[in-house]
Amino acid sequence: MSVTIKDVANAAGVSPSTVSRVINKKGVISKETEEKIYAVMKELNYVPNKTARSFASGSTMAIALVIDVTDVRAYSNNYFNNSVFGIETVAHQNGFDLIITNGRRNGIENFVEKTVLSKKVDGIILPETMAKTDFLRKLDEIDFPYVILGQPPVSHQWCNWVDINNVQGGQIAVEHLLDKGYGKIAFLSSGEKEVFNRNRIKGYQEALIKHQIPVFPDYIRHCESSLENGLTTAKEMLTGENPPDAFICSDYYLGIGVKRAVAEMGLSIPFDIGLIFFDNSPVAELVEPSITTVDIDTFGLGQQAASILINKIKDKKLNGRQTLIGTNIIERESTQRLRRSMS
């Protein structure tokens, strides 16, 4: 027979309500009594019933990460996996379960009804691509806690959100390439609609202007993320009238495509062409030559999102928390042009 809260109370010489207050961290209990109850719980191998605690507190002690399972590329990568690990780590530390659910299965309205209004979770984390205005307004109307994973458009700035500082990422990528002797820097973006891509390009442009380097519109290309697109776009640019001598790519698919284009044209990385891509994927270290990356702390992104959400669950008045996580350069062989002149 499993140990009950009454068993713990009898063994500790206190009332069941006192044990309940200790478990739920409510009320004022002396440190001596609290330590005694915890010792008895450990001795009796008592595990609090989470369902019972949920009924008592009005909380499910669960949060949900909402995804769109039809967007395979967005959710089948290290970026997403590391973010989930960060979310799960903070959730576990705070006694919450993490549920990953498909927000597209039967439409967002159905999701609100089945997951939010039925109180299956205490709060949700939404990727920026799923943070539609009408949906957010519905959540606000019922005062339901949520955090956006990724920086939303300006029109959503009242929301709680957390993102990588992508403007800074674009800036430091340009600064690094300039320091390494490159001067004609192109940017290959995986799309022009996404806020993160627009912010990276903004940082790229700001850094060029700061150094009084012309911003050539033809040096900024948008193409769907794939090795093939990186290959064809890079070849087109390298055979043009004013070819770049370095590429910044918004992901490693485009970056590896650029690398292949450079090789097929008989050019060299890093001496003819410099190459950087965002996200420190294992691919960057394993290829030859290894690729310099803009490292983005996706684990920290998940941690911050979960922390903000749990704080929001505990304090419904918490609003307007916008957090940007800094980036840094991990230098490898693909940008070491000056190595030849120094040898």
C-alpha atoms as a PDB file:
ATOM      1  CA  MET A   1       0.000   0.000   0.000  1.00  0.00           C
ATOM      2  CA  SER A   2       1.335   3.417  -0.925  1.00  0.00           C
ATOM      3  CA  VAL A   3       2.265   5.932   1.740  1.00  0.00           C
ATOM      4  CA  THR A   4      -0.289   8.706   2.243  1.00  0.00           C
ATOM      5  CA  ILE A   5      -0.035  12.250   3.522  1.00  0.00           C
ATOM      6  CA  LYS A   6      -1.709  11.055   6.749  1.00  0.00           C
ATOM      7  CA  ASP A   7       1.064   8.504   7.242  1.00  0.00           C
ATOM      8  CA  VAL A   8       3.660  11.252   6.939  1.00  0.00           C
ATOM      9  CA  ALA A   9       1.709  13.481   9.345  1.00  0.00           C
ATOM     10  CA  ASN A  10       1.403  10.702  11.965  1.00  0.00           C
ATOM     11  CA  ALA A  11       5.104   9.844  11.741  1.00  0.00           C
ATOM     12  CA  ALA A  12       6.121  13.497  12.011  1.00  0.00           C
ATOM     13  CA  GLY A  13       3.650  14.268  14.793  1.00  0.00           C
ATOM     14  CA  VAL A  14       1.895  17.037  12.898  1.00  0.00           C
ATOM     15  CA  SER A  15      -1.462  17.502  11.202  1.00  0.00           C
ATOM     16  CA  PRO A  16      -2.055  16.506   7.551  1.00  0.00           C
ATOM     17  CA  SER A  17      -2.719  20.161   6.738  1.00  0.00           C
ATOM     18  CA  THR A  18       0.760  21.089   7.988  1.00  0.00           C
ATOM     19  CA  VAL A  19       2.325  18.464   5.701  1.00  0.00           C
ATOM     20  CA  SER A  20       0.213  19.795   2.830  1.00  0.00           C
ATOM     21  CA  ARG A  21       1.413  23.359   3.432  1.00  0.00           C
ATOM     22  CA  VAL A  22       5.039  22.197   3.391  1.00  0.00           C
ATOM     23  CA  ILE A  23       4.562  20.250   0.155  1.00  0.00           C
ATOM     24  CA  ASN A  24       2.784  23.138  -1.556  1.00  0.00           C
ATOM     25  CA  LYS A  25       5.102  25.748  -0.012  1.00  0.00           C
ATOM     26  CA  LYS A  26       2.185  27.709   1.428  1.00  0.00           C
ATOM     27  CA  GLY A  27       1.822  29.319   4.811  1.00  0.00           C
ATOM     28  CA  VAL A  28       4.448  29.957   7.482  1.00  0.00           C
ATOM     29  CA  ILE A  29       6.030  26.790   8.839  1.00  0.00           C
ATOM     30  CA  SER A  30       9.042  26.726  11.118  1.00  0.00           C
ATOM     31  CA  LYS A  31      12.283  25.526   9.567  1.00  0.00           C
ATOM     32  CA  GLU A  32      12.557  22.809  12.222  1.00  0.00           C
ATOM     33  CA  THR A  33       9.092  21.415  11.406  1.00  0.00           C
ATOM     34  CA  GLU A  34       9.719  21.648   7.685  1.00  0.00           C
ATOM     35  CA  GLU A  35      13.009  19.738   7.944  1.00  0.00           C
ATOM     36  CA  LYS A  36      11.345  17.100  10.151  1.00  0.00           C
ATOM     37  CA  ILE A  37       8.554  16.563   7.601  1.00  0.00           C
ATOM     38  CA  TYR A  38      11.010  16.284   4.701  1.00  0.00           C
ATOM     39  CA  ALA A  39      13.062  13.756   6.684  1.00  0.00           C
ATOM     40  CA  VAL A  40       9.970  11.626   7.324  1.00  0.00           C
ATOM     41  CA  MET A  41       8.929  11.854   3.660  1.00  0.00           C
ATOM     42  CA  LYS A  42      12.384  10.607   2.663  1.00  0.00           C
ATOM     43  CA  GLU A  43      12.333   7.832   5.257  1.00  0.00           C
ATOM     44  CA  LEU A  44       8.879   6.624   4.179  1.00  0.00           C
ATOM     45  CA  ASN A  45       9.698   7.131   0.491  1.00  0.00           C
ATOM     46  CA  TYR A  46       6.644   9.365   0.144  1.00  0.00           C
ATOM     47  CA  VAL A  47       6.098  10.960  -3.261  1.00  0.00           C
ATOM     48  CA  PRO A  48       3.503  13.795  -3.363  1.00  0.00           C
ATOM     49  CA  ASN A  49       0.574  13.089  -5.654  1.00  0.00           C
ATOM     50  CA  LYS A  50       0.926  15.650  -8.401  1.00  0.00           C
ATOM     51  CA  THR A  51      -2.688  15.340  -9.519  1.00  0.00           C
ATOM     52  CA  ALA A  52      -3.952  15.972  -6.007  1.00  0.00           C
ATOM     53  CA  ARG A  53      -1.645  18.967  -5.700  1.00  0.00           C
ATOM     54  CA  SER A  54      -2.997  20.323  -8.972  1.00  0.00           C
ATOM     55  CA  PHE A  55      -6.592  20.140  -7.739  1.00  0.00           C
ATOM     56  CA  ALA A  56      -5.622  21.806  -4.489  1.00  0.00           C
ATOM     57  CA  SER A  57      -3.674  24.633  -6.088  1.00  0.00           C
ATOM     58  CA  GLY A  58      -5.750  25.071  -9.241  1.00  0.00           C
ATOM     59  CA  SER A  59      -2.611  24.423 -11.266  1.00  0.00           C
ATOM     60  CA  THR A  60      -1.774  21.631 -13.696  1.00  0.00           C
ATOM     61  CA  MET A  61       1.955  22.123 -13.051  1.00  0.00           C
ATOM     62  CA  ALA A  62       2.470  21.748 -16.796  1.00  0.00           C
ATOM     63  CA  ILE A  63       3.453  24.066 -19.633  1.00  0.00           C
ATOM     64  CA  ALA A  64       3.163  23.475 -23.370  1.00  0.00           C
ATOM     65  CA  LEU A  65       5.452  24.238 -26.282  1.00  0.00           C
ATOM     66  CA  VAL A  66       3.255  24.722 -29.343  1.00  0.00           C
ATOM     67  CA  ILE A  67       4.682  23.724 -32.718  1.00  0.00           C
ATOM     68  CA  ASP A  68       3.535  23.222 -36.290  1.00  0.00           C
ATOM     69  CA  VAL A  69       4.389  19.635 -37.224  1.00  0.00           C
ATOM     70  CA  THR A  70       3.913  20.403 -40.920  1.00  0.00           C
ATOM     71  CA  ASP A  71       6.979  22.687 -40.807  1.00  0.00           C
ATOM     72  CA  VAL A  72       9.526  19.874 -40.714  1.00  0.00           C
ATOM     73  CA  ARG A  73      12.641  21.978 -41.382  1.00  0.00           C
ATOM     74  CA  ALA A  74      11.878  24.392 -38.537  1.00  0.00           C
ATOM     75  CA  TYR A  75      11.527  21.685 -35.889  1.00  0.00           C
ATOM     76  CA  SER A  76      13.965  18.953 -36.955  1.00  0.00           C
ATOM     77  CA  ASN A  77      17.275  20.645 -36.199  1.00  0.00           C
ATOM     78  CA  ASN A  78      19.742  21.259 -33.385  1.00  0.00           C
ATOM     79  CA  TYR A  79      18.454  24.816 -32.918  1.00  0.00           C
ATOM     80  CA  PHE A  80      15.015  23.540 -31.946  1.00  0.00           C
ATOM     81  CA  ASN A  81      16.289  20.552 -29.958  1.00  0.00           C
ATOM     82  CA  ASN A  82      18.608  22.723 -27.851  1.00  0.00           C
ATOM     83  CA  SER A  83      15.791  25.186 -27.174  1.00  0.00           C
ATOM     84  CA  VAL A  84      13.509  22.347 -26.031  1.00  0.00           C
ATOM     85  CA  PHE A  85      16.257  21.050 -23.738  1.00  0.00           C
ATOM     86  CA  GLY A  86      16.596  24.519 -22.196  1.00  0.00           C
ATOM     87  CA  ILE A  87      12.827  24.756 -21.675  1.00  0.00           C
ATOM     88  CA  GLU A  88      12.666  21.277 -20.161  1.00  0.00           C
ATOM     89  CA  THR A  89      15.575  22.006 -17.800  1.00  0.00           C
ATOM     90  CA  VAL A  90      13.905  25.067 -16.272  1.00  0.00           C
ATOM     91  CA  ALA A  91      10.478  23.413 -16.214  1.00  0.00           C
ATOM     92  CA  HIS A  92      11.886  20.440 -14.292  1.00  0.00           C
ATOM     93  CA  GLN A  93      13.714  22.713 -11.845  1.00  0.00           C
ATOM     94  CA  ASN A  94      10.414  24.407 -11.044  1.00  0.00           C
ATOM     95  CA  GLY A  95       8.338  21.230 -10.788  1.00  0.00           C
ATOM     96  CA  PHE A  96       6.539  21.644 -14.127  1.00  0.00           C
ATOM     97  CA  ASP A  97       6.024  19.057 -16.839  1.00  0.00           C
ATOM     98  CA  LEU A  98       6.644  20.056 -20.462  1.00  0.00           C
ATOM     99  CA  ILE A  99       4.152  19.051 -23.139  1.00  0.00           C
ATOM    100  CA  ILE A 100       4.925  19.492 -26.841  1.00  0.00           C
ATOM    101  CA  THR A 101       1.721  19.873 -28.811  1.00  0.00           C
ATOM    102  CA  ASN A 102       0.721  20.481 -32.404  1.00  0.00           C
ATOM    103  CA  GLY A 103      -1.088  23.794 -32.716  1.00  0.00           C
ATOM    104  CA  ARG A 104      -1.997  23.187 -36.367  1.00  0.00           C
ATOM    105  CA  ARG A 105      -3.749  19.853 -36.014  1.00  0.00           C
ATOM    106  CA  ASN A 106      -7.332  21.121 -36.125  1.00  0.00           C
ATOM    107  CA  GLY A 107      -6.832  24.859 -36.361  1.00  0.00           C
ATOM    108  CA  ILE A 108      -5.839  27.397 -33.743  1.00  0.00           C
ATOM    109  CA  GLU A 109      -9.420  27.948 -32.537  1.00  0.00           C
ATOM    110  CA  ASN A 110      -9.720  24.288 -31.654  1.00  0.00           C
ATOM    111  CA  PHE A 111      -6.344  24.448 -29.931  1.00  0.00           C
ATOM    112  CA  VAL A 112      -7.544  27.296 -27.700  1.00  0.00           C
ATOM    113  CA  GLU A 113     -10.674  25.373 -26.773  1.00  0.00           C
ATOM    114  CA  LYS A 114      -9.037  22.003 -26.128  1.00  0.00           C
ATOM    115  CA  THR A 115      -5.761  23.039 -24.544  1.00  0.00           C
ATOM    116  CA  VAL A 116      -6.163  26.523 -23.116  1.00  0.00           C
ATOM    117  CA  LEU A 117      -9.808  26.823 -22.058  1.00  0.00           C
ATOM    118  CA  SER A 118      -9.918  23.251 -20.755  1.00  0.00           C
ATOM    119  CA  LYS A 119      -6.925  24.188 -18.550  1.00  0.00           C
ATOM    120  CA  LYS A 120      -4.707  21.303 -19.568  1.00  0.00           C
ATOM    121  CA  VAL A 121      -1.650  23.480 -19.031  1.00  0.00           C
ATOM    122  CA  ASP A 122      -0.827  26.605 -17.033  1.00  0.00           C
ATOM    123  CA  GLY A 123       0.902  28.435 -19.864  1.00  0.00           C
ATOM    124  CA  ILE A 124       2.292  28.059 -23.386  1.00  0.00           C
ATOM    125  CA  ILE A 125       5.426  28.922 -25.353  1.00  0.00           C
ATOM    126  CA  LEU A 126       4.733  29.922 -28.962  1.00  0.00           C
ATOM    127  CA  PRO A 127       7.211  30.160 -31.833  1.00  0.00           C
ATOM    128  CA  GLU A 128       7.075  33.602 -33.446  1.00  0.00           C
ATOM    129  CA  THR A 129       5.715  32.099 -36.680  1.00  0.00           C
ATOM    130  CA  MET A 130       2.599  30.919 -34.823  1.00  0.00           C
ATOM    131  CA  ALA A 131       2.044  34.067 -32.774  1.00  0.00           C
ATOM    132  CA  LYS A 132      -0.845  35.477 -34.788  1.00  0.00           C
ATOM    133  CA  THR A 133      -2.474  38.671 -33.537  1.00  0.00           C
ATOM    134  CA  ASP A 134      -6.015  37.279 -33.195  1.00  0.00           C
ATOM    135  CA  PHE A 135      -4.749  34.290 -31.243  1.00  0.00           C
ATOM    136  CA  LEU A 136      -2.670  36.457 -28.891  1.00  0.00           C
ATOM    137  CA  ARG A 137      -5.638  38.740 -28.263  1.00  0.00           C
ATOM    138  CA  LYS A 138      -7.747  35.721 -27.261  1.00  0.00           C
ATOM    139  CA  LEU A 139      -5.071  34.658 -24.796  1.00  0.00           C
ATOM    140  CA  ASP A 140      -4.912  38.189 -23.399  1.00  0.00           C
ATOM    141  CA  GLU A 141      -8.699  38.334 -23.013  1.00  0.00           C
ATOM    142  CA  ILE A 142      -8.681  35.314 -20.716  1.00  0.00           C
ATOM    143  CA  ASP A 143      -5.396  36.381 -19.072  1.00  0.00           C
ATOM    144  CA  PHE A 144      -3.671  33.152 -20.058  1.00  0.00           C
ATOM    145  CA  PRO A 145       0.148  33.160 -19.649  1.00  0.00           C
ATOM    146  CA  TYR A 146       2.259  32.815 -22.799  1.00  0.00           C
ATOM    147  CA  VAL A 147       5.728  33.664 -24.088  1.00  0.00           C
ATOM    148  CA  ILE A 148       6.780  34.056 -27.709  1.00  0.00           C
ATOM    149  CA  LEU A 149       9.921  32.215 -28.752  1.00  0.00           C
ATOM    150  CA  GLY A 150      11.511  34.656 -31.201  1.00  0.00           C
ATOM    151  CA  GLN A 151      11.088  38.391 -31.651  1.00  0.00           C
ATOM    152  CA  PRO A 152       7.611  39.217 -32.973  1.00  0.00           C
ATOM    153  CA  PRO A 153       6.760  42.154 -35.252  1.00  0.00           C
ATOM    154  CA  VAL A 154       6.644  45.640 -33.732  1.00  0.00           C
ATOM    155  CA  SER A 155       2.850  45.379 -33.502  1.00  0.00           C
ATOM    156  CA  HIS A 156       3.257  42.649 -30.846  1.00  0.00           C
ATOM    157  CA  GLN A 157       5.705  44.423 -28.589  1.00  0.00           C
ATOM    158  CA  TRP A 158       3.289  44.322 -25.640  1.00  0.00           C
ATOM    159  CA  CYS A 159       3.920  40.580 -25.383  1.00  0.00           C
ATOM    160  CA  ASN A 160       6.481  38.664 -23.376  1.00  0.00           C
ATOM    161  CA  TRP A 161       9.117  37.325 -25.768  1.00  0.00           C
ATOM    162  CA  VAL A 162      12.712  36.134 -25.881  1.00  0.00           C
ATOM    163  CA  ASP A 163      15.043  35.934 -28.861  1.00  0.00           C
ATOM    164  CA  ILE A 164      18.642  35.853 -29.993  1.00  0.00           C
ATOM    165  CA  ASN A 165      20.152  39.310 -30.614  1.00  0.00           C
ATOM    166  CA  ASN A 166      20.220  38.825 -34.369  1.00  0.00           C
ATOM    167  CA  VAL A 167      21.116  42.449 -35.121  1.00  0.00           C
ATOM    168  CA  GLN A 168      24.255  41.979 -33.053  1.00  0.00           C
ATOM    169  CA  GLY A 169      24.905  38.680 -34.844  1.00  0.00           C
ATOM    170  CA  GLY A 170      24.920  40.411 -38.235  1.00  0.00           C
ATOM    171  CA  GLN A 171      27.195  43.142 -36.916  1.00  0.00           C
ATOM    172  CA  ILE A 172      29.842  40.888 -35.396  1.00  0.00           C
ATOM    173  CA  ALA A 173      29.923  38.682 -38.503  1.00  0.00           C
ATOM    174  CA  VAL A 174      30.822  41.720 -40.645  1.00  0.00           C
ATOM    175  CA  GLU A 175      33.311  43.033 -38.085  1.00  0.00           C
ATOM    176  CA  HIS A 176      35.074  39.678 -37.978  1.00  0.00           C
ATOM    177  CA  LEU A 177      35.357  39.416 -41.757  1.00  0.00           C
ATOM    178  CA  LEU A 178      36.677  42.962 -42.046  1.00  0.00           C
ATOM    179  CA  ASP A 179      39.270  42.235 -39.365  1.00  0.00           C
ATOM    180  CA  LYS A 180      40.375  39.185 -41.353  1.00  0.00           C
ATOM    181  CA  GLY A 181      40.970  41.134 -44.569  1.00  0.00           C
ATOM    182  CA  TYR A 182      37.698  40.699 -46.472  1.00  0.00           C
ATOM    183  CA  GLY A 183      35.902  43.747 -47.844  1.00  0.00           C
ATOM    184  CA  LYS A 184      33.190  42.685 -50.301  1.00  0.00           C
ATOM    185  CA  ILE A 185      30.788  40.819 -48.064  1.00  0.00           C
ATOM    186  CA  ALA A 186      27.554  39.191 -49.262  1.00  0.00           C
ATOM    187  CA  PHE A 187      24.626  37.979 -47.153  1.00  0.00           C
ATOM    188  CA  LEU A 188      22.586  34.883 -48.067  1.00  0.00           C
ATOM    189  CA  SER A 189      19.291  34.859 -46.181  1.00  0.00           C
ATOM    190  CA  SER A 190      16.881  31.937 -45.862  1.00  0.00           C
ATOM    191  CA  GLY A 191      13.898  34.282 -46.233  1.00  0.00           C
ATOM    192  CA  GLU A 192      12.881  37.932 -46.125  1.00  0.00           C
ATOM    193  CA  LYS A 193       9.635  37.537 -44.156  1.00  0.00           C
ATOM    194  CA  GLU A 194      11.169  36.218 -40.941  1.00  0.00           C
ATOM    195  CA  VAL A 195      12.004  38.821 -38.299  1.00  0.00           C
ATOM    196  CA  PHE A 196      15.275  37.103 -37.395  1.00  0.00           C
ATOM    197  CA  ASN A 197      16.538  37.260 -40.973  1.00  0.00           C
ATOM    198  CA  ARG A 198      15.570  40.919 -41.293  1.00  0.00           C
ATOM    199  CA  ASN A 199      17.383  41.700 -38.054  1.00  0.00           C
ATOM    200  CA  ARG A 200      20.539  39.892 -39.157  1.00  0.00           C
ATOM    201  CA  ILE A 201      20.562  41.866 -42.395  1.00  0.00           C
ATOM    202  CA  LYS A 202      19.965  45.059 -40.447  1.00  0.00           C
ATOM    203  CA  GLY A 203      23.053  44.346 -38.344  1.00  0.00           C
ATOM    204  CA  TYR A 204      25.043  43.481 -41.469  1.00  0.00           C
ATOM    205  CA  GLN A 205      24.069  46.779 -43.111  1.00  0.00           C
ATOM    206  CA  GLU A 206      24.761  48.836 -39.984  1.00  0.00           C
ATOM    207  CA  ALA A 207      28.268  47.389 -39.671  1.00  0.00           C
ATOM    208  CA  LEU A 208      29.090  48.144 -43.318  1.00  0.00           C
ATOM    209  CA  ILE A 209      27.806  51.721 -42.999  1.00  0.00           C
ATOM    210  CA  LYS A 210      29.811  52.186 -39.805  1.00  0.00           C
ATOM    211  CA  HIS A 211      32.973  51.370 -41.771  1.00  0.00           C
ATOM    212  CA  GLN A 212      31.877  53.512 -44.732  1.00  0.00           C
ATOM    213  CA  ILE A 213      31.574  50.484 -47.005  1.00  0.00           C
ATOM    214  CA  PRO A 214      28.862  50.612 -49.703  1.00  0.00           C
ATOM    215  CA  VAL A 215      25.841  48.385 -49.121  1.00  0.00           C
ATOM    216  CA  PHE A 216      25.245  46.733 -52.503  1.00  0.00           C
ATOM    217  CA  PRO A 217      21.618  45.523 -52.814  1.00  0.00           C
ATOM    218  CA  ASP A 218      22.788  42.730 -55.116  1.00  0.00           C
ATOM    219  CA  TYR A 219      24.956  41.363 -52.302  1.00  0.00           C
ATOM    220  CA  ILE A 220      21.850  40.533 -50.266  1.00  0.00           C
ATOM    221  CA  ARG A 221      20.040  37.454 -51.562  1.00  0.00           C
ATOM    222  CA  HIS A 222      16.965  35.677 -50.217  1.00  0.00           C
ATOM    223  CA  CYS A 223      16.462  32.023 -51.066  1.00  0.00           C
ATOM    224  CA  GLU A 224      14.842  29.002 -49.495  1.00  0.00           C
ATOM    225  CA  SER A 225      17.165  27.198 -47.125  1.00  0.00           C
ATOM    226  CA  SER A 226      18.893  24.350 -48.992  1.00  0.00           C
ATOM    227  CA  LEU A 227      22.327  23.273 -50.107  1.00  0.00           C
ATOM    228  CA  GLU A 228      21.237  23.552 -53.743  1.00  0.00           C
ATOM    229  CA  ASN A 229      20.109  27.154 -53.346  1.00  0.00           C
ATOM    230  CA  GLY A 230      23.333  28.082 -51.607  1.00  0.00           C
ATOM    231  CA  LEU A 231      25.292  26.468 -54.427  1.00  0.00           C
ATOM    232  CA  THR A 232      23.453  28.096 -57.331  1.00  0.00           C
ATOM    233  CA  THR A 233      23.180  31.528 -55.690  1.00  0.00           C
ATOM    234  CA  ALA A 234      26.867  31.622 -54.783  1.00  0.00           C
ATOM    235  CA  LYS A 235      27.906  30.581 -58.299  1.00  0.00           C
ATOM    236  CA  GLU A 236      25.721  33.269 -59.818  1.00  0.00           C
ATOM    237  CA  MET A 237      27.225  35.926 -57.563  1.00  0.00           C
ATOM    238  CA  LEU A 238      30.830  34.756 -57.997  1.00  0.00           C
ATOM    239  CA  THR A 239      30.556  34.863 -61.782  1.00  0.00           C
ATOM    240  CA  GLY A 240      28.948  38.315 -61.799  1.00  0.00           C
ATOM    241  CA  GLU A 241      30.568  41.660 -62.569  1.00  0.00           C
ATOM    242  CA  ASN A 242      31.350  42.514 -58.959  1.00  0.00           C
ATOM    243  CA  PRO A 243      31.872  39.202 -57.131  1.00  0.00           C
ATOM    244  CA  PRO A 244      32.022  39.187 -53.327  1.00  0.00           C
ATOM    245  CA  ASP A 245      35.027  37.880 -51.432  1.00  0.00           C
ATOM    246  CA  ALA A 246      33.074  36.651 -48.415  1.00  0.00           C
ATOM    247  CA  PHE A 247      29.647  35.228 -47.545  1.00  0.00           C
ATOM    248  CA  ILE A 248      27.538  35.373 -44.404  1.00  0.00           C
ATOM    249  CA  CYS A 249      24.814  32.707 -44.507  1.00  0.00           C
ATOM    250  CA  SER A 250      21.763  32.538 -42.264  1.00  0.00           C
ATOM    251  CA  ASP A 251      22.115  28.768 -41.794  1.00  0.00           C
ATOM    252  CA  TYR A 252      24.452  25.891 -42.511  1.00  0.00           C
ATOM    253  CA  TYR A 253      22.439  24.532 -45.451  1.00  0.00           C
ATOM    254  CA  LEU A 254      23.161  27.677 -47.455  1.00  0.00           C
ATOM    255  CA  GLY A 255      26.691  27.818 -46.054  1.00  0.00           C
ATOM    256  CA  ILE A 256      27.611  24.326 -47.208  1.00  0.00           C
ATOM    257  CA  GLY A 257      26.128  25.175 -50.604  1.00  0.00           C
ATOM    258  CA  VAL A 258      28.436  28.195 -50.825  1.00  0.00           C
ATOM    259  CA  LYS A 259      31.385  26.044 -49.800  1.00  0.00           C
ATOM    260  CA  ARG A 260      30.626  23.588 -52.601  1.00  0.00           C
ATOM    261  CA  ALA A 261      30.244  26.403 -55.152  1.00  0.00           C
ATOM    262  CA  VAL A 262      33.645  27.822 -54.205  1.00  0.00           C
ATOM    263  CA  ALA A 263      35.278  24.404 -54.614  1.00  0.00           C
ATOM    264  CA  GLU A 264      33.588  23.716 -57.974  1.00  0.00           C
ATOM    265  CA  MET A 265      34.856  27.049 -59.298  1.00  0.00           C
ATOM    266  CA  GLY A 266      38.439  26.223 -58.344  1.00  0.00           C
ATOM    267  CA  LEU A 267      38.592  28.897 -55.638  1.00  0.00           C
ATOM    268  CA  SER A 268      39.878  28.535 -52.106  1.00  0.00           C
ATOM    269  CA  ILE A 269      38.340  29.015 -48.668  1.00  0.00           C
ATOM    270  CA  PRO A 270      39.631  31.055 -46.856  1.00  0.00           C
ATOM    271  CA  PHE A 271      42.220  32.662 -49.153  1.00  0.00           C
ATOM    272  CA  ASP A 272      39.898  33.592 -52.031  1.00  0.00           C
ATOM    273  CA  ILE A 273      36.556  33.512 -50.216  1.00  0.00           C
ATOM    274  CA  GLY A 274      35.651  33.885 -46.545  1.00  0.00           C
ATOM    275  CA  LEU A 275      32.642  32.059 -45.112  1.00  0.00           C
ATOM    276  CA  ILE A 276      30.561  32.403 -41.939  1.00  0.00           C
ATOM    277  CA  PHE A 277      27.179  30.945 -41.126  1.00  0.00           C
ATOM    278  CA  PHE A 278      24.782  31.320 -38.194  1.00  0.00           C
ATOM    279  CA  ASP A 279      24.309  28.590 -35.570  1.00  0.00           C
ATOM    280  CA  ASN A 280      27.275  26.576 -34.380  1.00  0.00           C
ATOM    281  CA  SER A 281      26.165  23.286 -35.930  1.00  0.00           C
ATOM    282  CA  PRO A 282      28.480  20.242 -35.582  1.00  0.00           C
ATOM    283  CA  VAL A 283      28.782  20.416 -39.387  1.00  0.00           C
ATOM    284  CA  ALA A 284      30.877  23.583 -39.023  1.00  0.00           C
ATOM    285  CA  GLU A 285      33.611  21.808 -37.116  1.00  0.00           C
ATOM    286  CA  LEU A 286      33.593  18.557 -39.088  1.00  0.00           C
ATOM    287  CA  VAL A 287      33.982  19.841 -42.652  1.00  0.00           C
ATOM    288  CA  GLU A 288      37.316  20.766 -44.262  1.00  0.00           C
ATOM    289  CA  PRO A 289      38.131  23.587 -43.935  1.00  0.00           C
ATOM    290  CA  SER A 290      36.172  24.094 -40.728  1.00  0.00           C
ATOM    291  CA  ILE A 291      33.668  26.959 -40.786  1.00  0.00           C
ATOM    292  CA  THR A 292      33.597  30.064 -38.604  1.00  0.00           C
ATOM    293  CA  THR A 293      30.144  30.532 -37.071  1.00  0.00           C
ATOM    294  CA  VAL A 294      27.991  33.078 -35.292  1.00  0.00           C
ATOM    295  CA  ASP A 295      27.165  31.086 -32.185  1.00  0.00           C
ATOM    296  CA  ILE A 296      23.611  31.489 -30.934  1.00  0.00           C
ATOM    297  CA  ASP A 297      22.776  30.201 -27.461  1.00  0.00           C
ATOM    298  CA  THR A 298      19.655  28.202 -28.258  1.00  0.00           C
ATOM    299  CA  PHE A 299      19.798  26.363 -24.931  1.00  0.00           C
ATOM    300  CA  GLY A 300      19.785  29.721 -23.136  1.00  0.00           C
ATOM    301  CA  LEU A 301      16.919  30.826 -25.376  1.00  0.00           C
ATOM    302  CA  GLY A 302      14.796  27.946 -24.117  1.00  0.00           C
ATOM    303  CA  GLN A 303      15.834  28.579 -20.518  1.00  0.00           C
ATOM    304  CA  GLN A 304      14.833  32.236 -20.687  1.00  0.00           C
ATOM    305  CA  ALA A 305      11.503  31.453 -22.359  1.00  0.00           C
ATOM    306  CA  ALA A 306      10.585  28.917 -19.682  1.00  0.00           C
ATOM    307  CA  SER A 307      11.717  31.214 -16.852  1.00  0.00           C
ATOM    308  CA  ILE A 308       9.649  34.134 -18.131  1.00  0.00           C
ATOM    309  CA  LEU A 309       6.605  31.896 -18.606  1.00  0.00           C
ATOM    310  CA  ILE A 310       6.798  30.353 -15.137  1.00  0.00           C
ATOM    311  CA  ASN A 311       7.246  33.799 -13.583  1.00  0.00           C
ATOM    312  CA  LYS A 312       4.204  34.949 -15.565  1.00  0.00           C
ATOM    313  CA  ILE A 313       2.197  31.974 -14.278  1.00  0.00           C
ATOM    314  CA  LYS A 314       3.128  32.957 -10.729  1.00  0.00           C
ATOM    315  CA  ASP A 315       2.505  36.668 -11.312  1.00  0.00           C
ATOM    316  CA  LYS A 316      -0.155  37.471 -13.904  1.00  0.00           C
ATOM    317  CA  LYS A 317       0.808  41.160 -13.792  1.00  0.00           C
ATOM    318  CA  LEU A 318       4.178  40.454 -15.428  1.00  0.00           C
ATOM    319  CA  ASN A 319       4.042  41.901 -18.950  1.00  0.00           C
ATOM    320  CA  GLY A 320       6.274  43.391 -21.577  1.00  0.00           C
ATOM    321  CA  ARG A 321       9.337  41.282 -20.805  1.00  0.00           C
ATOM    322  CA  GLN A 322      11.545  41.370 -23.895  1.00  0.00           C
ATOM    323  CA  THR A 323      14.858  39.535 -23.639  1.00  0.00           C
ATOM    324  CA  LEU A 324      17.662  39.420 -26.201  1.00  0.00           C
ATOM    325  CA  ILE A 325      20.450  36.855 -25.826  1.00  0.00           C
ATOM    326  CA  GLY A 326      23.886  37.877 -27.072  1.00  0.00           C
ATOM    327  CA  THR A 327      25.867  36.163 -29.828  1.00  0.00           C
ATOM    328  CA  ASN A 328      29.567  35.534 -30.339  1.00  0.00           C
ATOM    329  CA  ILE A 329      31.964  34.418 -33.067  1.00  0.00           C
ATOM    330  CA  ILE A 330      33.554  30.982 -33.002  1.00  0.00           C
ATOM    331  CA  GLU A 331      36.540  31.371 -35.306  1.00  0.00           C
ATOM    332  CA  ARG A 332      37.690  28.486 -37.471  1.00  0.00           C
ATOM    333  CA  GLU A 333      39.625  28.081 -40.717  1.00  0.00           C
ATOM    334  CA  SER A 334      37.098  29.526 -43.164  1.00  0.00           C
ATOM    335  CA  THR A 335      37.922  33.150 -42.280  1.00  0.00           C
ATOM    336  CA  GLN A 336      41.684  32.918 -41.743  1.00  0.00           C
ATOM    337  CA  ARG A 337      42.702  34.759 -44.923  1.00  0.00           C
ATOM    338  CA  LEU A 338      45.492  36.661 -43.138  1.00  0.00           C
ATOM    339  CA  ARG A 339      47.165  33.390 -42.131  1.00  0.00           C
ATOM    340  CA  ARG A 340      48.913  33.214 -45.524  1.00  0.00           C
ATOM    341  CA  SER A 341      50.344  36.755 -45.352  1.00  0.00           C
ATOM    342  CA  MET A 342      51.583  36.188 -41.812  1.00  0.00           C
ATOM    343  CA  SER A 343      53.302  32.873 -42.567  1.00  0.00           C
END
